[in-house]
Amino acid sequence: MKREDYPPQEPLSEAGERYGAECWRRGAGVQGEEFAYGDDPYQRLLVFRAPRPEAPVLVFWHGGGWTSGYKEWMAFMAPALTAGGVTLVSPGYRLAPRHVFPTGFDDCARAVKWTLEHLAPRRLFLGGHSAGGHYAALLAVRGDWQAARGVPRAAIAGCLPVSGVFDFTEGSGLSVRPRFLGPEGSGAERDASPLHRLEPPLPPFLLAHGDQDFPHLMRQAETFEAALRRRGVPVERLVLAGRNHFGASYAAGEPDGPWVPRALRFMSP
């Protein structure tokens, strides 16, 4: 889909607009197969296939503060990943403020179910940038959505959030309560926090963020890493030198950059 094919979104910050424009630029000409997993324009996904049919599959969600963003933003990641033997799936999800938690989370779960049913991967990984990294981590640590959809816990081989958000409770460092959480008093802060929904068995994690990322996200990554280690979960935190929040995302499409080679090793059998 093209940007004009979507309903209007919430405006981004100036930095967010530059990031979005750069994602569109980097992904120009990268062709994927589009499929629908629901009726809404945002309930669609792009599949970028690796040459080998038995390739691992990475389902990777875009960011945008839960209020904006497009699945097409992540197309720039596909060439490096498919060349490395990984099929990339980039889903959309319904956005706030029109849709609040758990609507977007449920959409992400439906996209995983669709991927398992239609691609039948031998090894399935979840990832995402920023808000997308939050959804990926939440899917990886919660088991209720899997039980409700007949998805085995063992179906998730690992999780690779980039600059993800792991905590919305008091002390998380967030300066503003994200609107996707819905009304105050709903209890969504804790329910939507991967840090507070660690339900074993948990898959391995490769956490990543820039060394110039948003300070609260760097602190959250450190706390989340420590929580996983206390539970005996294999986890690595990759600090991307010279990268801010948006540069960390660009690294996910650079074949010789700091993230792609490590991510490919993480997803190798």
C-alpha atoms as a PDB file:
ATOM      1  CA  MET A   1       0.000   0.000   0.000  1.00  0.00           C
ATOM      2  CA  LYS A   2       0.983   3.596  -0.493  1.00  0.00           C
ATOM      3  CA  ARG A   3       0.899   6.178   2.267  1.00  0.00           C
ATOM      4  CA  GLU A   4      -2.127   7.866   0.723  1.00  0.00           C
ATOM      5  CA  ASP A   5      -4.050   4.577   0.859  1.00  0.00           C
ATOM      6  CA  TYR A   6      -4.167   4.713   4.662  1.00  0.00           C
ATOM      7  CA  PRO A   7      -6.526   6.685   6.890  1.00  0.00           C
ATOM      8  CA  PRO A   8      -4.970   9.831   8.410  1.00  0.00           C
ATOM      9  CA  GLN A   9      -2.654   9.301  11.368  1.00  0.00           C
ATOM     10  CA  GLU A  10      -1.639  11.399  14.330  1.00  0.00           C
ATOM     11  CA  PRO A  11       1.102  13.891  13.394  1.00  0.00           C
ATOM     12  CA  LEU A  12       4.664  12.934  14.256  1.00  0.00           C
ATOM     13  CA  SER A  13       7.301  15.113  15.830  1.00  0.00           C
ATOM     14  CA  GLU A  14       9.722  16.817  13.480  1.00  0.00           C
ATOM     15  CA  ALA A  15      12.311  14.117  14.214  1.00  0.00           C
ATOM     16  CA  GLY A  16       9.676  11.425  13.710  1.00  0.00           C
ATOM     17  CA  GLU A  17       8.703  12.887  10.349  1.00  0.00           C
ATOM     18  CA  ARG A  18      12.341  12.805   9.237  1.00  0.00           C
ATOM     19  CA  TYR A  19      12.624   9.204  10.398  1.00  0.00           C
ATOM     20  CA  GLY A  20       9.471   8.153   8.568  1.00  0.00           C
ATOM     21  CA  ALA A  21      10.579   9.869   5.362  1.00  0.00           C
ATOM     22  CA  GLU A  22      13.937   8.128   5.608  1.00  0.00           C
ATOM     23  CA  CYS A  23      12.260   4.739   6.078  1.00  0.00           C
ATOM     24  CA  TRP A  24      10.164   5.317   2.961  1.00  0.00           C
ATOM     25  CA  ARG A  25      13.311   6.371   1.081  1.00  0.00           C
ATOM     26  CA  ARG A  26      15.393   3.400   2.179  1.00  0.00           C
ATOM     27  CA  GLY A  27      12.617   0.947   1.368  1.00  0.00           C
ATOM     28  CA  ALA A  28      11.782   2.366  -2.055  1.00  0.00           C
ATOM     29  CA  GLY A  29      11.804  -0.386  -4.645  1.00  0.00           C
ATOM     30  CA  VAL A  30      11.934  -3.223  -2.110  1.00  0.00           C
ATOM     31  CA  GLN A  31       9.013  -5.440  -3.090  1.00  0.00           C
ATOM     32  CA  GLY A  32       7.166  -7.758  -0.734  1.00  0.00           C
ATOM     33  CA  GLU A  33       3.986  -9.792  -0.992  1.00  0.00           C
ATOM     34  CA  GLU A  34       1.022  -8.186   0.780  1.00  0.00           C
ATOM     35  CA  PHE A  35      -1.601 -10.224   2.611  1.00  0.00           C
ATOM     36  CA  ALA A  36      -4.543  -9.365   4.860  1.00  0.00           C
ATOM     37  CA  TYR A  37      -5.069 -10.939   8.270  1.00  0.00           C
ATOM     38  CA  GLY A  38      -8.186  -8.833   8.941  1.00  0.00           C
ATOM     39  CA  ASP A  39     -10.548  -6.346   7.319  1.00  0.00           C
ATOM     40  CA  ASP A  40      -8.973  -3.077   8.484  1.00  0.00           C
ATOM     41  CA  PRO A  41      -6.380  -1.383   6.217  1.00  0.00           C
ATOM     42  CA  TYR A  42      -3.869  -1.708   9.048  1.00  0.00           C
ATOM     43  CA  GLN A  43      -4.503  -5.444   9.396  1.00  0.00           C
ATOM     44  CA  ARG A  44      -2.168  -6.335   6.567  1.00  0.00           C
ATOM     45  CA  LEU A  45       1.367  -7.575   6.371  1.00  0.00           C
ATOM     46  CA  LEU A  46       4.253  -7.735   3.939  1.00  0.00           C
ATOM     47  CA  VAL A  47       6.273 -10.906   3.382  1.00  0.00           C
ATOM     48  CA  PHE A  48       9.835 -10.715   2.071  1.00  0.00           C
ATOM     49  CA  ARG A  49      10.943 -14.275   1.393  1.00  0.00           C
ATOM     50  CA  ALA A  50      14.446 -15.628   1.774  1.00  0.00           C
ATOM     51  CA  PRO A  51      15.575 -17.964  -1.030  1.00  0.00           C
ATOM     52  CA  ARG A  52      15.377 -21.105   1.134  1.00  0.00           C
ATOM     53  CA  PRO A  53      11.812 -22.209   1.937  1.00  0.00           C
ATOM     54  CA  GLU A  54      12.926 -23.560   5.335  1.00  0.00           C
ATOM     55  CA  ALA A  55      14.422 -20.197   6.340  1.00  0.00           C
ATOM     56  CA  PRO A  56      13.763 -18.774   9.812  1.00  0.00           C
ATOM     57  CA  VAL A  57      11.034 -16.140   9.877  1.00  0.00           C
ATOM     58  CA  LEU A  58      11.303 -12.812  11.692  1.00  0.00           C
ATOM     59  CA  VAL A  59       8.028 -10.978  12.324  1.00  0.00           C
ATOM     60  CA  PHE A  60       9.079  -7.361  12.916  1.00  0.00           C
ATOM     61  CA  TRP A  61       6.729  -4.500  13.838  1.00  0.00           C
ATOM     62  CA  HIS A  62       7.268  -0.807  13.091  1.00  0.00           C
ATOM     63  CA  GLY A  63       7.359   1.950  15.694  1.00  0.00           C
ATOM     64  CA  GLY A  64       5.607   5.294  15.791  1.00  0.00           C
ATOM     65  CA  GLY A  65       4.515   5.779  19.382  1.00  0.00           C
ATOM     66  CA  TRP A  66       1.496   3.438  18.944  1.00  0.00           C
ATOM     67  CA  THR A  67      -0.262   6.308  17.108  1.00  0.00           C
ATOM     68  CA  SER A  68       1.463   6.303  13.724  1.00  0.00           C
ATOM     69  CA  GLY A  69       3.686   4.281  11.416  1.00  0.00           C
ATOM     70  CA  TYR A  70       3.329   1.897   8.511  1.00  0.00           C
ATOM     71  CA  LYS A  71       4.339  -1.671   7.787  1.00  0.00           C
ATOM     72  CA  GLU A  72       6.118  -0.354   4.684  1.00  0.00           C
ATOM     73  CA  TRP A  73       8.578   1.473   6.926  1.00  0.00           C
ATOM     74  CA  MET A  74      10.390  -1.786   7.668  1.00  0.00           C
ATOM     75  CA  ALA A  75      10.848  -2.819   4.019  1.00  0.00           C
ATOM     76  CA  PHE A  76      14.390  -1.434   4.081  1.00  0.00           C
ATOM     77  CA  MET A  77      15.358  -4.279   6.430  1.00  0.00           C
ATOM     78  CA  ALA A  78      14.468  -6.988   3.921  1.00  0.00           C
ATOM     79  CA  PRO A  79      17.500  -7.087   1.575  1.00  0.00           C
ATOM     80  CA  ALA A  80      20.043  -7.641   4.354  1.00  0.00           C
ATOM     81  CA  LEU A  81      17.900 -10.216   6.151  1.00  0.00           C
ATOM     82  CA  THR A  82      16.791 -12.225   3.141  1.00  0.00           C
ATOM     83  CA  ALA A  83      20.362 -12.308   1.837  1.00  0.00           C
ATOM     84  CA  GLY A  84      21.319 -13.684   5.237  1.00  0.00           C
ATOM     85  CA  GLY A  85      18.737 -16.450   4.986  1.00  0.00           C
ATOM     86  CA  VAL A  86      15.860 -14.987   7.032  1.00  0.00           C
ATOM     87  CA  THR A  87      12.337 -14.304   5.768  1.00  0.00           C
ATOM     88  CA  LEU A  88      10.974 -10.973   7.008  1.00  0.00           C
ATOM     89  CA  VAL A  89       7.310 -10.356   7.814  1.00  0.00           C
ATOM     90  CA  SER A  90       6.331  -6.733   8.473  1.00  0.00           C
ATOM     91  CA  PRO A  91       2.765  -6.383   9.808  1.00  0.00           C
ATOM     92  CA  GLY A  92       0.659  -3.353  10.479  1.00  0.00           C
ATOM     93  CA  TYR A  93      -1.615  -2.920  13.483  1.00  0.00           C
ATOM     94  CA  ARG A  94      -4.441  -0.607  14.428  1.00  0.00           C
ATOM     95  CA  LEU A  95      -3.323   2.638  16.034  1.00  0.00           C
ATOM     96  CA  ALA A  96      -4.268   4.921  18.907  1.00  0.00           C
ATOM     97  CA  PRO A  97      -6.012   7.108  19.807  1.00  0.00           C
ATOM     98  CA  ARG A  98      -8.875   5.485  17.900  1.00  0.00           C
ATOM     99  CA  HIS A  99      -7.835   2.030  19.056  1.00  0.00           C
ATOM    100  CA  VAL A 100      -6.480   1.492  22.559  1.00  0.00           C
ATOM    101  CA  PHE A 101      -4.868  -1.433  24.331  1.00  0.00           C
ATOM    102  CA  PRO A 102      -5.239  -4.334  23.809  1.00  0.00           C
ATOM    103  CA  THR A 103      -6.441  -3.772  20.217  1.00  0.00           C
ATOM    104  CA  GLY A 104      -2.978  -3.279  18.687  1.00  0.00           C
ATOM    105  CA  PHE A 105      -1.596  -6.140  20.771  1.00  0.00           C
ATOM    106  CA  ASP A 106      -4.387  -8.407  19.560  1.00  0.00           C
ATOM    107  CA  ASP A 107      -3.605  -7.424  15.971  1.00  0.00           C
ATOM    108  CA  CYS A 108       0.037  -8.368  16.495  1.00  0.00           C
ATOM    109  CA  ALA A 109      -1.045 -11.725  17.908  1.00  0.00           C
ATOM    110  CA  ARG A 110      -3.252 -12.291  14.865  1.00  0.00           C
ATOM    111  CA  ALA A 111      -0.323 -11.519  12.585  1.00  0.00           C
ATOM    112  CA  VAL A 112       1.767 -14.159  14.367  1.00  0.00           C
ATOM    113  CA  LYS A 113      -1.048 -16.689  14.028  1.00  0.00           C
ATOM    114  CA  TRP A 114      -1.332 -15.868  10.313  1.00  0.00           C
ATOM    115  CA  THR A 115       2.416 -16.339   9.863  1.00  0.00           C
ATOM    116  CA  LEU A 116       2.377 -19.737  11.554  1.00  0.00           C
ATOM    117  CA  GLU A 117      -0.581 -20.908   9.486  1.00  0.00           C
ATOM    118  CA  HIS A 118       0.565 -19.608   6.095  1.00  0.00           C
ATOM    119  CA  LEU A 119       4.362 -19.741   6.223  1.00  0.00           C
ATOM    120  CA  ALA A 120       4.754 -22.672   8.633  1.00  0.00           C
ATOM    121  CA  PRO A 121       8.230 -21.611   9.758  1.00  0.00           C
ATOM    122  CA  ARG A 122      10.476 -24.114  11.467  1.00  0.00           C
ATOM    123  CA  ARG A 123      11.821 -21.270  13.619  1.00  0.00           C
ATOM    124  CA  LEU A 124       9.816 -18.121  14.322  1.00  0.00           C
ATOM    125  CA  PHE A 125      11.260 -14.958  15.845  1.00  0.00           C
ATOM    126  CA  LEU A 126       9.566 -11.745  16.938  1.00  0.00           C
ATOM    127  CA  GLY A 127      11.035  -8.245  16.835  1.00  0.00           C
ATOM    128  CA  GLY A 128      10.228  -4.613  16.364  1.00  0.00           C
ATOM    129  CA  HIS A 129      11.467  -1.074  16.786  1.00  0.00           C
ATOM    130  CA  SER A 130      10.288   1.216  19.599  1.00  0.00           C
ATOM    131  CA  ALA A 131       6.510   0.661  19.967  1.00  0.00           C
ATOM    132  CA  GLY A 132       6.918  -2.364  17.717  1.00  0.00           C
ATOM    133  CA  GLY A 133       9.654  -3.654  20.009  1.00  0.00           C
ATOM    134  CA  HIS A 134       7.233  -3.289  22.912  1.00  0.00           C
ATOM    135  CA  TYR A 135       4.603  -5.392  21.181  1.00  0.00           C
ATOM    136  CA  ALA A 136       7.174  -8.035  20.212  1.00  0.00           C
ATOM    137  CA  ALA A 137       8.463  -8.328  23.774  1.00  0.00           C
ATOM    138  CA  LEU A 138       4.951  -8.461  25.228  1.00  0.00           C
ATOM    139  CA  LEU A 139       4.004 -11.258  22.840  1.00  0.00           C
ATOM    140  CA  ALA A 140       7.175 -13.148  23.762  1.00  0.00           C
ATOM    141  CA  VAL A 141       6.633 -13.033  27.530  1.00  0.00           C
ATOM    142  CA  ARG A 142       2.854 -13.468  27.792  1.00  0.00           C
ATOM    143  CA  GLY A 143       1.252 -16.844  27.312  1.00  0.00           C
ATOM    144  CA  ASP A 144      -2.453 -15.999  27.477  1.00  0.00           C
ATOM    145  CA  TRP A 145      -2.712 -14.873  23.843  1.00  0.00           C
ATOM    146  CA  GLN A 146      -1.056 -18.086  22.677  1.00  0.00           C
ATOM    147  CA  ALA A 147      -3.365 -20.320  24.662  1.00  0.00           C
ATOM    148  CA  ALA A 148      -6.393 -18.460  23.310  1.00  0.00           C
ATOM    149  CA  ARG A 149      -5.226 -18.974  19.719  1.00  0.00           C
ATOM    150  CA  GLY A 150      -3.839 -22.491  19.949  1.00  0.00           C
ATOM    151  CA  VAL A 151      -0.248 -21.324  19.513  1.00  0.00           C
ATOM    152  CA  PRO A 152       2.295 -23.429  21.440  1.00  0.00           C
ATOM    153  CA  ARG A 153       4.629 -21.476  23.725  1.00  0.00           C
ATOM    154  CA  ALA A 154       7.539 -23.225  22.016  1.00  0.00           C
ATOM    155  CA  ALA A 155       6.524 -21.653  18.687  1.00  0.00           C
ATOM    156  CA  ILE A 156       8.459 -18.478  19.564  1.00  0.00           C
ATOM    157  CA  ALA A 157      12.161 -19.223  19.172  1.00  0.00           C
ATOM    158  CA  GLY A 158      13.408 -15.804  20.279  1.00  0.00           C
ATOM    159  CA  CYS A 159      12.729 -12.085  20.483  1.00  0.00           C
ATOM    160  CA  LEU A 160      14.755  -9.161  19.082  1.00  0.00           C
ATOM    161  CA  PRO A 161      13.341  -5.799  20.255  1.00  0.00           C
ATOM    162  CA  VAL A 162      15.236  -2.703  19.105  1.00  0.00           C
ATOM    163  CA  SER A 163      14.825   0.368  21.356  1.00  0.00           C
ATOM    164  CA  GLY A 164      11.776  -1.288  22.863  1.00  0.00           C
ATOM    165  CA  VAL A 165       9.577  -0.148  25.731  1.00  0.00           C
ATOM    166  CA  PHE A 166       9.282  -2.642  28.579  1.00  0.00           C
ATOM    167  CA  ASP A 167       7.559  -0.779  31.413  1.00  0.00           C
ATOM    168  CA  PHE A 168       4.690   1.707  31.724  1.00  0.00           C
ATOM    169  CA  THR A 169       4.288   1.659  35.504  1.00  0.00           C
ATOM    170  CA  GLU A 170       5.338   4.366  37.948  1.00  0.00           C
ATOM    171  CA  GLY A 171       9.077   4.939  37.751  1.00  0.00           C
ATOM    172  CA  SER A 172       9.339   3.822  34.123  1.00  0.00           C
ATOM    173  CA  GLY A 173      10.808   7.174  33.092  1.00  0.00           C
ATOM    174  CA  LEU A 174       8.085   7.949  30.564  1.00  0.00           C
ATOM    175  CA  SER A 175       7.304  11.666  30.665  1.00  0.00           C
ATOM    176  CA  VAL A 176       3.819  11.230  29.193  1.00  0.00           C
ATOM    177  CA  ARG A 177       1.339   8.382  29.573  1.00  0.00           C
ATOM    178  CA  PRO A 178       1.008   6.852  26.086  1.00  0.00           C
ATOM    179  CA  ARG A 179      -2.495   7.277  24.735  1.00  0.00           C
ATOM    180  CA  PHE A 180      -2.688   3.729  23.473  1.00  0.00           C
ATOM    181  CA  LEU A 181      -3.068   2.615  27.107  1.00  0.00           C
ATOM    182  CA  GLY A 182      -6.580   4.046  27.142  1.00  0.00           C
ATOM    183  CA  PRO A 183      -8.284   5.750  30.074  1.00  0.00           C
ATOM    184  CA  GLU A 184      -6.681   6.195  33.470  1.00  0.00           C
ATOM    185  CA  GLY A 185      -7.601   3.465  35.928  1.00  0.00           C
ATOM    186  CA  SER A 186      -7.863   0.739  33.311  1.00  0.00           C
ATOM    187  CA  GLY A 187      -4.885  -1.152  34.731  1.00  0.00           C
ATOM    188  CA  ALA A 188      -3.284  -1.236  31.313  1.00  0.00           C
ATOM    189  CA  GLU A 189       0.020   0.179  32.587  1.00  0.00           C
ATOM    190  CA  ARG A 190       0.982  -3.091  34.254  1.00  0.00           C
ATOM    191  CA  ASP A 191      -0.870  -5.386  31.861  1.00  0.00           C
ATOM    192  CA  ALA A 192       0.959  -3.892  28.864  1.00  0.00           C
ATOM    193  CA  SER A 193       4.414  -3.941  30.518  1.00  0.00           C
ATOM    194  CA  PRO A 194       6.622  -6.857  29.437  1.00  0.00           C
ATOM    195  CA  LEU A 195       8.663  -6.360  32.612  1.00  0.00           C
ATOM    196  CA  HIS A 196       5.615  -7.250  34.713  1.00  0.00           C
ATOM    197  CA  ARG A 197       4.281 -10.082  32.536  1.00  0.00           C
ATOM    198  CA  LEU A 198       7.223 -12.504  32.577  1.00  0.00           C
ATOM    199  CA  GLU A 199       5.374 -15.810  32.271  1.00  0.00           C
ATOM    200  CA  PRO A 200       7.638 -18.845  31.788  1.00  0.00           C
ATOM    201  CA  PRO A 201       8.733 -20.543  29.676  1.00  0.00           C
ATOM    202  CA  LEU A 202      10.439 -17.527  28.145  1.00  0.00           C
ATOM    203  CA  PRO A 203      12.381 -17.479  24.849  1.00  0.00           C
ATOM    204  CA  PRO A 204      15.916 -16.076  24.419  1.00  0.00           C
ATOM    205  CA  PHE A 205      16.197 -12.316  23.897  1.00  0.00           C
ATOM    206  CA  LEU A 206      18.535 -10.126  21.889  1.00  0.00           C
ATOM    207  CA  LEU A 207      17.922  -6.605  23.178  1.00  0.00           C
ATOM    208  CA  ALA A 208      19.364  -3.666  21.254  1.00  0.00           C
ATOM    209  CA  HIS A 209      19.416   0.094  21.624  1.00  0.00           C
ATOM    210  CA  GLY A 210      21.643   2.986  20.653  1.00  0.00           C
ATOM    211  CA  ASP A 211      24.196   4.412  23.056  1.00  0.00           C
ATOM    212  CA  GLN A 212      22.545   7.773  22.332  1.00  0.00           C
ATOM    213  CA  ASP A 213      18.990   6.435  22.592  1.00  0.00           C
ATOM    214  CA  PHE A 214      16.309   7.955  24.805  1.00  0.00           C
ATOM    215  CA  PRO A 215      17.687   7.665  28.338  1.00  0.00           C
ATOM    216  CA  HIS A 216      14.576   6.046  29.812  1.00  0.00           C
ATOM    217  CA  LEU A 217      14.630   3.344  27.128  1.00  0.00           C
ATOM    218  CA  MET A 218      18.268   2.536  27.833  1.00  0.00           C
ATOM    219  CA  ARG A 219      17.477   2.225  31.547  1.00  0.00           C
ATOM    220  CA  GLN A 220      14.441   0.072  30.810  1.00  0.00           C
ATOM    221  CA  ALA A 221      16.547  -2.243  28.636  1.00  0.00           C
ATOM    222  CA  GLU A 222      19.062  -2.675  31.466  1.00  0.00           C
ATOM    223  CA  THR A 223      16.273  -3.444  33.948  1.00  0.00           C
ATOM    224  CA  PHE A 224      14.569  -5.859  31.574  1.00  0.00           C
ATOM    225  CA  GLU A 225      17.858  -7.631  30.881  1.00  0.00           C
ATOM    226  CA  ALA A 226      18.470  -8.067  34.597  1.00  0.00           C
ATOM    227  CA  ALA A 227      14.938  -9.408  35.136  1.00  0.00           C
ATOM    228  CA  LEU A 228      15.393 -11.976  32.391  1.00  0.00           C
ATOM    229  CA  ARG A 229      18.779 -13.060  33.757  1.00  0.00           C
ATOM    230  CA  ARG A 230      17.289 -13.608  37.215  1.00  0.00           C
ATOM    231  CA  ARG A 231      14.909 -16.065  35.612  1.00  0.00           C
ATOM    232  CA  GLY A 232      17.666 -17.888  33.761  1.00  0.00           C
ATOM    233  CA  VAL A 233      16.609 -16.650  30.330  1.00  0.00           C
ATOM    234  CA  PRO A 234      19.392 -16.418  27.715  1.00  0.00           C
ATOM    235  CA  VAL A 235      19.689 -12.697  26.974  1.00  0.00           C
ATOM    236  CA  GLU A 236      22.166 -10.334  25.367  1.00  0.00           C
ATOM    237  CA  ARG A 237      21.965  -6.557  25.271  1.00  0.00           C
ATOM    238  CA  LEU A 238      23.602  -5.041  22.207  1.00  0.00           C
ATOM    239  CA  VAL A 239      24.515  -1.369  22.572  1.00  0.00           C
ATOM    240  CA  LEU A 240      24.776   0.245  19.142  1.00  0.00           C
ATOM    241  CA  ALA A 241      27.636   2.737  19.184  1.00  0.00           C
ATOM    242  CA  GLY A 242      26.932   6.193  17.793  1.00  0.00           C
ATOM    243  CA  ARG A 243      23.213   5.479  17.305  1.00  0.00           C
ATOM    244  CA  ASN A 244      20.242   7.387  18.613  1.00  0.00           C
ATOM    245  CA  HIS A 245      16.684   6.078  18.711  1.00  0.00           C
ATOM    246  CA  PHE A 246      16.231   6.334  14.957  1.00  0.00           C
ATOM    247  CA  GLY A 247      19.754   5.312  14.009  1.00  0.00           C
ATOM    248  CA  ALA A 248      19.205   2.099  15.954  1.00  0.00           C
ATOM    249  CA  SER A 249      16.334   1.331  13.595  1.00  0.00           C
ATOM    250  CA  TYR A 250      18.398   2.053  10.488  1.00  0.00           C
ATOM    251  CA  ALA A 251      21.015  -0.412  11.765  1.00  0.00           C
ATOM    252  CA  ALA A 252      18.452  -3.184  11.316  1.00  0.00           C
ATOM    253  CA  GLY A 253      18.826  -2.843   7.555  1.00  0.00           C
ATOM    254  CA  GLU A 254      22.603  -2.467   7.274  1.00  0.00           C
ATOM    255  CA  PRO A 255      24.234  -5.762   6.220  1.00  0.00           C
ATOM    256  CA  ASP A 256      27.630  -4.782   7.626  1.00  0.00           C
ATOM    257  CA  GLY A 257      26.307  -2.686  10.493  1.00  0.00           C
ATOM    258  CA  PRO A 258      26.249  -3.499  14.195  1.00  0.00           C
ATOM    259  CA  TRP A 259      22.866  -5.257  14.355  1.00  0.00           C
ATOM    260  CA  VAL A 260      22.285  -7.435  11.280  1.00  0.00           C
ATOM    261  CA  PRO A 261      25.248  -9.849  11.636  1.00  0.00           C
ATOM    262  CA  ARG A 262      24.491 -10.380  15.329  1.00  0.00           C
ATOM    263  CA  ALA A 263      20.778 -10.836  14.660  1.00  0.00           C
ATOM    264  CA  LEU A 264      21.498 -13.399  11.937  1.00  0.00           C
ATOM    265  CA  ARG A 265      23.666 -15.392  14.343  1.00  0.00           C
ATOM    266  CA  PHE A 266      20.947 -15.189  16.968  1.00  0.00           C
ATOM    267  CA  MET A 267      18.418 -16.627  14.524  1.00  0.00           C
ATOM    268  CA  SER A 268      20.686 -19.322  13.063  1.00  0.00           C
ATOM    269  CA  PRO A 269      19.886 -22.948  14.019  1.00  0.00           C
END
